[in-house]
PDB file of all heavy atoms in Angstrom:
ATOM      1  N   LEU A   1      65.510 170.190 270.597  1.00  0.00           N
ATOM      2  CA  LEU A   1      66.213 169.635 269.445  1.00  0.00           C
ATOM      3  C   LEU A   1      66.209 170.671 268.341  1.00  0.00           C
ATOM      4  O   LEU A   1      65.162 171.225 268.000  1.00  0.00           O
ATOM      5  CB  LEU A   1      65.540 168.356 268.955  1.00  0.00           C
ATOM      6  CG  LEU A   1      65.559 167.127 269.858  1.00  0.00           C
ATOM      7  CD1 LEU A   1      64.884 165.961 269.153  1.00  0.00           C
ATOM      8  CD2 LEU A   1      66.979 166.756 270.244  1.00  0.00           C
ATOM      9  N   ARG A   2      67.377 170.910 267.751  1.00  0.00           N
ATOM     10  CA  ARG A   2      67.515 171.947 266.729  1.00  0.00           C
ATOM     11  C   ARG A   2      68.296 171.407 265.540  1.00  0.00           C
ATOM     12  O   ARG A   2      68.842 170.316 265.571  1.00  0.00           O
ATOM     13  CB  ARG A   2      68.238 173.151 267.336  1.00  0.00           C
ATOM     14  CG  ARG A   2      67.506 173.777 268.494  1.00  0.00           C
ATOM     15  CD  ARG A   2      68.431 174.373 269.546  1.00  0.00           C
ATOM     16  NE  ARG A   2      69.347 175.361 268.998  1.00  0.00           N
ATOM     17  CZ  ARG A   2      70.299 175.961 269.718  1.00  0.00           C
ATOM     18  NH1 ARG A   2      70.441 175.650 271.006  1.00  0.00           N
ATOM     19  NH2 ARG A   2      71.112 176.832 269.160  1.00  0.00           N
ATOM     20  N   GLY A   3      68.333 172.189 264.485  1.00  0.00           N
ATOM     21  CA  GLY A   3      69.145 171.843 263.335  1.00  0.00           C
ATOM     22  C   GLY A   3      68.773 170.509 262.718  1.00  0.00           C
ATOM     23  O   GLY A   3      67.604 170.150 262.599  1.00  0.00           O
ATOM     24  N   GLU A   4      69.784 169.745 262.333  1.00  0.00           N
ATOM     25  CA  GLU A   4      69.556 168.485 261.639  1.00  0.00           C
ATOM     26  C   GLU A   4      68.901 167.451 262.535  1.00  0.00           C
ATOM     27  O   GLU A   4      68.107 166.628 262.065  1.00  0.00           O
ATOM     28  CB  GLU A   4      70.878 167.937 261.088  1.00  0.00           C
ATOM     29  CG  GLU A   4      70.705 166.730 260.187  1.00  0.00           C
ATOM     30  CD  GLU A   4      69.718 166.964 259.046  1.00  0.00           C
ATOM     31  OE1 GLU A   4      69.731 168.063 258.456  1.00  0.00           O
ATOM     32  OE2 GLU A   4      68.929 166.048 258.744  1.00  0.00           O
ATOM     33  N   ASP A   5      69.198 167.458 263.838  1.00  0.00           N
ATOM     34  CA  ASP A   5      68.543 166.532 264.768  1.00  0.00           C
ATOM     35  C   ASP A   5      67.038 166.764 264.765  1.00  0.00           C
ATOM     36  O   ASP A   5      66.243 165.819 264.759  1.00  0.00           O
ATOM     37  CB  ASP A   5      69.087 166.711 266.191  1.00  0.00           C
ATOM     38  CG  ASP A   5      70.507 166.208 266.346  1.00  0.00           C
ATOM     39  OD1 ASP A   5      70.936 165.408 265.490  1.00  0.00           O
ATOM     40  OD2 ASP A   5      71.179 166.614 267.306  1.00  0.00           O
ATOM     41  N   MET A   6      66.658 168.039 264.775  1.00  0.00           N
ATOM     42  CA  MET A   6      65.240 168.394 264.742  1.00  0.00           C
ATOM     43  C   MET A   6      64.609 167.989 263.420  1.00  0.00           C
ATOM     44  O   MET A   6      63.561 167.341 263.378  1.00  0.00           O
ATOM     45  CB  MET A   6      65.089 169.904 264.965  1.00  0.00           C
ATOM     46  CG  MET A   6      63.677 170.454 264.803  1.00  0.00           C
ATOM     47  SD  MET A   6      63.312 171.014 263.105  1.00  0.00           S
ATOM     48  CE  MET A   6      64.471 172.377 262.930  1.00  0.00           C
ATOM     49  N   ARG A   7      65.256 168.340 262.317  1.00  0.00           N
ATOM     50  CA  ARG A   7      64.705 168.052 261.002  1.00  0.00           C
ATOM     51  C   ARG A   7      64.491 166.540 260.809  1.00  0.00           C
ATOM     52  O   ARG A   7      63.442 166.108 260.340  1.00  0.00           O
ATOM     53  CB  ARG A   7      65.646 168.573 259.913  1.00  0.00           C
ATOM     54  CG  ARG A   7      65.096 168.411 258.494  1.00  0.00           C
ATOM     55  CD  ARG A   7      66.221 168.526 257.473  1.00  0.00           C
ATOM     56  NE  ARG A   7      66.902 169.793 257.542  1.00  0.00           N
ATOM     57  CZ  ARG A   7      66.601 170.868 256.810  1.00  0.00           C
ATOM     58  NH1 ARG A   7      65.613 170.791 255.938  1.00  0.00           N
ATOM     59  NH2 ARG A   7      67.274 171.982 256.923  1.00  0.00           N
ATOM     60  N   SER A   8      65.476 165.749 261.196  1.00  0.00           N
ATOM     61  CA  SER A   8      65.393 164.297 261.031  1.00  0.00           C
ATOM     62  C   SER A   8      64.270 163.696 261.865  1.00  0.00           C
ATOM     63  O   SER A   8      63.488 162.871 261.384  1.00  0.00           O
ATOM     64  CB  SER A   8      66.732 163.659 261.408  1.00  0.00           C
ATOM     65  OG  SER A   8      66.657 162.253 261.347  1.00  0.00           O
ATOM     66  N   ALA A   9      64.188 164.127 263.129  1.00  0.00           N
ATOM     67  CA  ALA A   9      63.169 163.578 264.027  1.00  0.00           C
ATOM     68  C   ALA A   9      61.764 163.952 263.570  1.00  0.00           C
ATOM     69  O   ALA A   9      60.855 163.108 263.534  1.00  0.00           O
ATOM     70  CB  ALA A   9      63.409 164.071 265.456  1.00  0.00           C
ATOM     71  N   VAL A  10      61.570 165.219 263.205  1.00  0.00           N
ATOM     72  CA  VAL A  10      60.236 165.680 262.808  1.00  0.00           C
ATOM     73  C   VAL A  10      59.819 165.050 261.480  1.00  0.00           C
ATOM     74  O   VAL A  10      58.669 164.612 261.325  1.00  0.00           O
ATOM     75  CB  VAL A  10      60.199 167.220 262.717  1.00  0.00           C
ATOM     76  CG1 VAL A  10      58.863 167.689 262.135  1.00  0.00           C
ATOM     77  CG2 VAL A  10      60.415 167.844 264.086  1.00  0.00           C
ATOM     78  N   THR A  11      60.742 164.979 260.533  1.00  0.00           N
ATOM     79  CA  THR A  11      60.422 164.373 259.241  1.00  0.00           C
ATOM     80  C   THR A  11      60.000 162.919 259.401  1.00  0.00           C
ATOM     81  O   THR A  11      59.007 162.471 258.809  1.00  0.00           O
ATOM     82  CB  THR A  11      61.636 164.460 258.285  1.00  0.00           C
ATOM     83  OG1 THR A  11      61.950 165.835 258.042  1.00  0.00           O
ATOM     84  CG2 THR A  11      61.323 163.784 256.955  1.00  0.00           C
ATOM     85  N   GLY A  12      60.737 162.165 260.208  1.00  0.00           N
ATOM     86  CA  GLY A  12      60.383 160.769 260.456  1.00  0.00           C
ATOM     87  C   GLY A  12      59.028 160.628 261.106  1.00  0.00           C
ATOM     88  O   GLY A  12      58.228 159.750 260.732  1.00  0.00           O
ATOM     89  N   TYR A  13      58.739 161.496 262.060  1.00  0.00           N
ATOM     90  CA  TYR A  13      57.451 161.466 262.764  1.00  0.00           C
ATOM     91  C   TYR A  13      56.308 161.810 261.815  1.00  0.00           C
ATOM     92  O   TYR A  13      55.273 161.131 261.778  1.00  0.00           O
ATOM     93  CB  TYR A  13      57.500 162.443 263.932  1.00  0.00           C
ATOM     94  CG  TYR A  13      56.247 162.485 264.773  1.00  0.00           C
ATOM     95  CD1 TYR A  13      55.878 161.407 265.569  1.00  0.00           C
ATOM     96  CD2 TYR A  13      55.424 163.609 264.766  1.00  0.00           C
ATOM     97  CE1 TYR A  13      54.721 161.456 266.345  1.00  0.00           C
ATOM     98  CE2 TYR A  13      54.275 163.665 265.531  1.00  0.00           C
ATOM     99  CZ  TYR A  13      53.931 162.581 266.311  1.00  0.00           C
ATOM    100  OH  TYR A  13      52.782 162.625 267.066  1.00  0.00           O
ATOM    101  N   TRP A  14      56.484 162.855 261.008  1.00  0.00           N
ATOM    102  CA  TRP A  14      55.451 163.236 260.038  1.00  0.00           C
ATOM    103  C   TRP A  14      55.200 162.113 259.031  1.00  0.00           C
ATOM    104  O   TRP A  14      54.058 161.884 258.630  1.00  0.00           O
ATOM    105  CB  TRP A  14      55.864 164.505 259.301  1.00  0.00           C
ATOM    106  CG  TRP A  14      55.698 165.767 260.096  1.00  0.00           C
ATOM    107  CD1 TRP A  14      55.016 165.928 261.274  1.00  0.00           C
ATOM    108  CD2 TRP A  14      56.230 167.056 259.774  1.00  0.00           C
ATOM    109  NE1 TRP A  14      55.088 167.231 261.702  1.00  0.00           N
ATOM    110  CE2 TRP A  14      55.823 167.948 260.800  1.00  0.00           C
ATOM    111  CE3 TRP A  14      57.014 167.536 258.720  1.00  0.00           C
ATOM    112  CZ2 TRP A  14      56.179 169.302 260.799  1.00  0.00           C
ATOM    113  CZ3 TRP A  14      57.360 168.895 258.703  1.00  0.00           C
ATOM    114  CH2 TRP A  14      56.947 169.758 259.737  1.00  0.00           C
ATOM    115  N   ASN A  15      56.249 161.433 258.617  1.00  0.00           N
ATOM    116  CA  ASN A  15      56.082 160.327 257.664  1.00  0.00           C
ATOM    117  C   ASN A  15      55.193 159.228 258.227  1.00  0.00           C
ATOM    118  O   ASN A  15      54.332 158.680 257.524  1.00  0.00           O
ATOM    119  CB  ASN A  15      57.444 159.741 257.281  1.00  0.00           C
ATOM    120  CG  ASN A  15      58.175 160.579 256.248  1.00  0.00           C
ATOM    121  OD1 ASN A  15      57.553 161.248 255.439  1.00  0.00           O
ATOM    122  ND2 ASN A  15      59.489 160.546 256.267  1.00  0.00           N
ATOM    123  N   ILE A  16      55.406 158.897 259.504  1.00  0.00           N
ATOM    124  CA  ILE A  16      54.585 157.866 260.136  1.00  0.00           C
ATOM    125  C   ILE A  16      53.128 158.313 260.210  1.00  0.00           C
ATOM    126  O   ILE A  16      52.202 157.550 259.905  1.00  0.00           O
ATOM    127  CB  ILE A  16      55.126 157.533 261.538  1.00  0.00           C
ATOM    128  CG1 ILE A  16      56.429 156.738 261.420  1.00  0.00           C
ATOM    129  CG2 ILE A  16      54.096 156.748 262.357  1.00  0.00           C
ATOM    130  CD1 ILE A  16      57.076 156.421 262.743  1.00  0.00           C
ATOM    131  N   LEU A  17      52.906 159.554 260.610  1.00  0.00           N
ATOM    132  CA  LEU A  17      51.537 160.068 260.702  1.00  0.00           C
ATOM    133  C   LEU A  17      50.869 160.089 259.329  1.00  0.00           C
ATOM    134  O   LEU A  17      49.694 159.726 259.197  1.00  0.00           O
ATOM    135  CB  LEU A  17      51.538 161.480 261.299  1.00  0.00           C
ATOM    136  CG  LEU A  17      51.977 161.633 262.755  1.00  0.00           C
ATOM    137  CD1 LEU A  17      51.760 163.072 263.210  1.00  0.00           C
ATOM    138  CD2 LEU A  17      51.237 160.677 263.677  1.00  0.00           C
ATOM    139  N   PHE A  18      51.614 160.516 258.317  1.00  0.00           N
ATOM    140  CA  PHE A  18      51.052 160.584 256.966  1.00  0.00           C
ATOM    141  C   PHE A  18      50.643 159.204 256.468  1.00  0.00           C
ATOM    142  O   PHE A  18      49.564 159.034 255.885  1.00  0.00           O
ATOM    143  CB  PHE A  18      52.072 161.200 256.007  1.00  0.00           C
ATOM    144  CG  PHE A  18      51.592 161.266 254.581  1.00  0.00           C
ATOM    145  CD1 PHE A  18      50.747 162.286 254.163  1.00  0.00           C
ATOM    146  CD2 PHE A  18      51.979 160.303 253.650  1.00  0.00           C
ATOM    147  CE1 PHE A  18      50.298 162.344 252.847  1.00  0.00           C
ATOM    148  CE2 PHE A  18      51.536 160.353 252.335  1.00  0.00           C
ATOM    149  CZ  PHE A  18      50.686 161.381 251.934  1.00  0.00           C
ATOM    150  N   ASP A  19      51.485 158.212 256.710  1.00  0.00           N
ATOM    151  CA  ASP A  19      51.165 156.846 256.279  1.00  0.00           C
ATOM    152  C   ASP A  19      49.923 156.315 256.993  1.00  0.00           C
ATOM    153  O   ASP A  19      49.128 155.574 256.407  1.00  0.00           O
ATOM    154  CB  ASP A  19      52.355 155.912 256.545  1.00  0.00           C
ATOM    155  CG  ASP A  19      53.525 156.192 255.604  1.00  0.00           C
ATOM    156  OD1 ASP A  19      53.312 156.846 254.566  1.00  0.00           O
ATOM    157  OD2 ASP A  19      54.651 155.772 255.934  1.00  0.00           O
ATOM    158  N   ALA A  20      49.757 156.704 258.244  1.00  0.00           N
ATOM    159  CA  ALA A  20      48.603 156.228 259.015  1.00  0.00           C
ATOM    160  C   ALA A  20      47.334 156.996 258.673  1.00  0.00           C
ATOM    161  O   ALA A  20      46.244 156.423 258.601  1.00  0.00           O
ATOM    162  CB  ALA A  20      48.888 156.346 260.513  1.00  0.00           C
ATOM    163  N   ASP A  21      47.473 158.311 258.443  1.00  0.00           N
ATOM    164  CA  ASP A  21      46.308 159.155 258.169  1.00  0.00           C
ATOM    165  C   ASP A  21      46.791 160.483 257.587  1.00  0.00           C
ATOM    166  O   ASP A  21      47.228 161.368 258.330  1.00  0.00           O
ATOM    167  CB  ASP A  21      45.528 159.408 259.472  1.00  0.00           C
ATOM    168  CG  ASP A  21      44.242 160.180 259.241  1.00  0.00           C
ATOM    169  OD1 ASP A  21      44.003 160.610 258.098  1.00  0.00           O
ATOM    170  OD2 ASP A  21      43.487 160.365 260.213  1.00  0.00           O
ATOM    171  N   PRO A  22      46.750 160.664 256.256  1.00  0.00           N
ATOM    172  CA  PRO A  22      47.268 161.880 255.625  1.00  0.00           C
ATOM    173  C   PRO A  22      46.705 163.174 256.199  1.00  0.00           C
ATOM    174  O   PRO A  22      47.410 164.185 256.253  1.00  0.00           O
ATOM    175  CB  PRO A  22      46.870 161.705 254.160  1.00  0.00           C
ATOM    176  CG  PRO A  22      46.835 160.228 253.962  1.00  0.00           C
ATOM    177  CD  PRO A  22      46.272 159.677 255.257  1.00  0.00           C
ATOM    178  N   LYS A  23      45.453 163.160 256.655  1.00  0.00           N
ATOM    179  CA  LYS A  23      44.880 164.407 257.162  1.00  0.00           C
ATOM    180  C   LYS A  23      45.552 164.863 258.451  1.00  0.00           C
ATOM    181  O   LYS A  23      45.468 166.038 258.819  1.00  0.00           O
ATOM    182  CB  LYS A  23      43.368 164.257 257.381  1.00  0.00           C
ATOM    183  CG  LYS A  23      42.987 163.403 258.572  1.00  0.00           C
ATOM    184  CD  LYS A  23      41.469 163.344 258.753  1.00  0.00           C
ATOM    185  CE  LYS A  23      41.085 162.510 259.986  1.00  0.00           C
ATOM    186  NZ  LYS A  23      39.627 162.427 260.167  1.00  0.00           N
ATOM    187  N   SER A  24      46.249 163.949 259.123  1.00  0.00           N
ATOM    188  CA  SER A  24      46.913 164.309 260.378  1.00  0.00           C
ATOM    189  C   SER A  24      48.015 165.333 260.171  1.00  0.00           C
ATOM    190  O   SER A  24      48.397 166.042 261.105  1.00  0.00           O
ATOM    191  CB  SER A  24      47.491 163.064 261.051  1.00  0.00           C
ATOM    192  OG  SER A  24      48.552 162.513 260.280  1.00  0.00           O
ATOM    193  N   VAL A  25      48.550 165.431 258.933  1.00  0.00           N
ATOM    194  CA  VAL A  25      49.588 166.418 258.633  1.00  0.00           C
ATOM    195  C   VAL A  25      49.119 167.418 257.577  1.00  0.00           C
ATOM    196  O   VAL A  25      49.919 168.082 256.929  1.00  0.00           O
ATOM    197  CB  VAL A  25      50.904 165.741 258.192  1.00  0.00           C
ATOM    198  CG1 VAL A  25      51.506 164.948 259.328  1.00  0.00           C
ATOM    199  CG2 VAL A  25      50.685 164.853 256.966  1.00  0.00           C
ATOM    200  N   GLY A  26      47.823 167.493 257.379  1.00  0.00           N
ATOM    201  CA  GLY A  26      47.277 168.461 256.440  1.00  0.00           C
ATOM    202  C   GLY A  26      47.164 167.976 255.016  1.00  0.00           C
ATOM    203  O   GLY A  26      47.059 168.779 254.083  1.00  0.00           O
ATOM    204  N   GLY A  27      47.196 166.652 254.819  1.00  0.00           N
ATOM    205  CA  GLY A  27      46.954 166.093 253.500  1.00  0.00           C
ATOM    206  C   GLY A  27      48.180 165.796 252.671  1.00  0.00           C
ATOM    207  O   GLY A  27      48.127 164.989 251.744  1.00  0.00           O
ATOM    208  N   LYS A  28      49.300 166.435 252.987  1.00  0.00           N
ATOM    209  CA  LYS A  28      50.543 166.139 252.263  1.00  0.00           C
ATOM    210  C   LYS A  28      51.730 166.430 253.174  1.00  0.00           C
ATOM    211  O   LYS A  28      51.633 167.216 254.125  1.00  0.00           O
ATOM    212  CB  LYS A  28      50.647 166.970 250.982  1.00  0.00           C
ATOM    213  CG  LYS A  28      50.731 168.471 251.210  1.00  0.00           C
ATOM    214  CD  LYS A  28      50.846 169.215 249.880  1.00  0.00           C
ATOM    215  CE  LYS A  28      50.928 170.719 250.107  1.00  0.00           C
ATOM    216  NZ  LYS A  28      51.060 171.466 248.843  1.00  0.00           N
ATOM    217  N   LEU A  29      52.849 165.778 252.868  1.00  0.00           N
ATOM    218  CA  LEU A  29      54.043 165.973 253.680  1.00  0.00           C
ATOM    219  C   LEU A  29      54.711 167.297 253.330  1.00  0.00           C
ATOM    220  O   LEU A  29      54.905 167.615 252.152  1.00  0.00           O
ATOM    221  CB  LEU A  29      55.028 164.826 253.450  1.00  0.00           C
ATOM    222  CG  LEU A  29      54.639 163.488 254.082  1.00  0.00           C
ATOM    223  CD1 LEU A  29      55.545 162.375 253.566  1.00  0.00           C
ATOM    224  CD2 LEU A  29      54.720 163.579 255.608  1.00  0.00           C
ATOM    225  N   PRO A  30      55.079 168.097 254.333  1.00  0.00           N
ATOM    226  CA  PRO A  30      55.809 169.337 254.063  1.00  0.00           C
ATOM    227  C   PRO A  30      57.172 169.054 253.429  1.00  0.00           C
ATOM    228  O   PRO A  30      57.758 167.993 253.641  1.00  0.00           O
ATOM    229  CB  PRO A  30      55.983 169.946 255.467  1.00  0.00           C
ATOM    230  CG  PRO A  30      54.881 169.348 256.277  1.00  0.00           C
ATOM    231  CD  PRO A  30      54.732 167.949 255.755  1.00  0.00           C
ATOM    232  N   ASP A  31      57.669 170.023 252.654  1.00  0.00           N
ATOM    233  CA  ASP A  31      58.986 169.863 252.052  1.00  0.00           C
ATOM    234  C   ASP A  31      60.061 170.410 252.982  1.00  0.00           C
ATOM    235  O   ASP A  31      59.784 170.846 254.106  1.00  0.00           O
ATOM    236  CB  ASP A  31      59.035 170.555 250.685  1.00  0.00           C
ATOM    237  CG  ASP A  31      58.596 172.020 250.764  1.00  0.00           C
ATOM    238  OD1 ASP A  31      58.840 172.660 251.800  1.00  0.00           O
ATOM    239  OD2 ASP A  31      58.000 172.512 249.785  1.00  0.00           O
ATOM    240  N   ASP A  32      61.306 170.416 252.509  1.00  0.00           N
ATOM    241  CA  ASP A  32      62.426 170.836 253.361  1.00  0.00           C
ATOM    242  C   ASP A  32      62.352 172.298 253.771  1.00  0.00           C
ATOM    243  O   ASP A  32      62.971 172.707 254.764  1.00  0.00           O
ATOM    244  CB  ASP A  32      63.759 170.580 252.653  1.00  0.00           C
ATOM    245  CG  ASP A  32      64.150 169.107 252.670  1.00  0.00           C
ATOM    246  OD1 ASP A  32      63.548 168.351 253.457  1.00  0.00           O
ATOM    247  OD2 ASP A  32      65.042 168.722 251.892  1.00  0.00           O
ATOM    248  N   ASP A  33      61.602 173.104 253.030  1.00  0.00           N
ATOM    249  CA  ASP A  33      61.493 174.524 253.365  1.00  0.00           C
ATOM    250  C   ASP A  33      60.662 174.748 254.628  1.00  0.00           C
ATOM    251  O   ASP A  33      60.557 175.874 255.110  1.00  0.00           O
ATOM    252  CB  ASP A  33      60.867 175.294 252.192  1.00  0.00           C
ATOM    253  CG  ASP A  33      61.094 176.794 252.300  1.00  0.00           C
ATOM    254  OD1 ASP A  33      62.231 177.205 252.568  1.00  0.00           O
ATOM    255  OD2 ASP A  33      60.113 177.557 252.136  1.00  0.00           O
ATOM    256  N   ALA A  34      60.098 173.679 255.163  1.00  0.00           N
ATOM    257  CA  ALA A  34      59.292 173.786 256.380  1.00  0.00           C
ATOM    258  C   ALA A  34      60.138 173.987 257.623  1.00  0.00           C
ATOM    259  O   ALA A  34      59.624 174.273 258.706  1.00  0.00           O
ATOM    260  CB  ALA A  34      58.438 172.527 256.563  1.00  0.00           C
ATOM    261  N   PHE A  35      61.467 173.892 257.484  1.00  0.00           N
ATOM    262  CA  PHE A  35      62.338 173.933 258.655  1.00  0.00           C
ATOM    263  C   PHE A  35      63.210 175.192 258.668  1.00  0.00           C
ATOM    264  O   PHE A  35      63.660 175.675 257.621  1.00  0.00           O
ATOM    265  CB  PHE A  35      63.234 172.691 258.696  1.00  0.00           C
ATOM    266  CG  PHE A  35      62.447 171.416 258.781  1.00  0.00           C
ATOM    267  CD1 PHE A  35      62.221 170.657 257.647  1.00  0.00           C
ATOM    268  CD2 PHE A  35      61.918 170.987 259.988  1.00  0.00           C
ATOM    269  CE1 PHE A  35      61.484 169.484 257.717  1.00  0.00           C
ATOM    270  CE2 PHE A  35      61.177 169.814 260.069  1.00  0.00           C
ATOM    271  CZ  PHE A  35      60.961 169.058 258.931  1.00  0.00           C
ATOM    272  N   TYR A  36      63.456 175.681 259.871  1.00  0.00           N
ATOM    273  CA  TYR A  36      64.333 176.836 260.080  1.00  0.00           C
ATOM    274  C   TYR A  36      65.769 176.337 260.216  1.00  0.00           C
ATOM    275  O   TYR A  36      66.067 175.484 261.056  1.00  0.00           O
ATOM    276  CB  TYR A  36      63.918 177.598 261.328  1.00  0.00           C
ATOM    277  CG  TYR A  36      64.972 178.517 261.899  1.00  0.00           C
ATOM    278  CD1 TYR A  36      65.398 179.643 261.188  1.00  0.00           C
ATOM    279  CD2 TYR A  36      65.543 178.266 263.141  1.00  0.00           C
ATOM    280  CE1 TYR A  36      66.354 180.491 261.707  1.00  0.00           C
ATOM    281  CE2 TYR A  36      66.505 179.126 263.673  1.00  0.00           C
ATOM    282  CZ  TYR A  36      66.907 180.225 262.958  1.00  0.00           C
ATOM    283  OH  TYR A  36      67.865 181.063 263.474  1.00  0.00           O
ATOM    284  N   THR A  37      66.666 176.892 259.399  1.00  0.00           N
ATOM    285  CA  THR A  37      68.081 176.595 259.505  1.00  0.00           C
ATOM    286  C   THR A  37      68.748 177.735 260.268  1.00  0.00           C
ATOM    287  O   THR A  37      68.700 178.896 259.825  1.00  0.00           O
ATOM    288  CB  THR A  37      68.726 176.457 258.111  1.00  0.00           C
ATOM    289  OG1 THR A  37      68.046 175.418 257.397  1.00  0.00           O
ATOM    290  CG2 THR A  37      70.206 176.114 258.232  1.00  0.00           C
ATOM    291  N   GLU A  38      69.344 177.402 261.377  1.00  0.00           N
ATOM    292  CA  GLU A  38      69.887 178.446 262.244  1.00  0.00           C
ATOM    293  C   GLU A  38      71.055 179.180 261.609  1.00  0.00           C
ATOM    294  O   GLU A  38      71.830 178.622 260.846  1.00  0.00           O
ATOM    295  CB  GLU A  38      70.332 177.835 263.582  1.00  0.00           C
ATOM    296  CG  GLU A  38      69.173 177.220 264.347  1.00  0.00           C
ATOM    297  CD  GLU A  38      69.612 176.700 265.694  1.00  0.00           C
ATOM    298  OE1 GLU A  38      70.546 177.294 266.271  1.00  0.00           O
ATOM    299  OE2 GLU A  38      69.032 175.716 266.172  1.00  0.00           O
TER     300      GLU A  38
END
């Protein structure tokens, strides 16, 4: 999965992990700069 499909899926997954346990993603949610735009 690449591009926007990747960004959307990963962001949603990280949000769930953060809500359940913030340390699972390093204590805070990454911003949009965390993704590579092809």
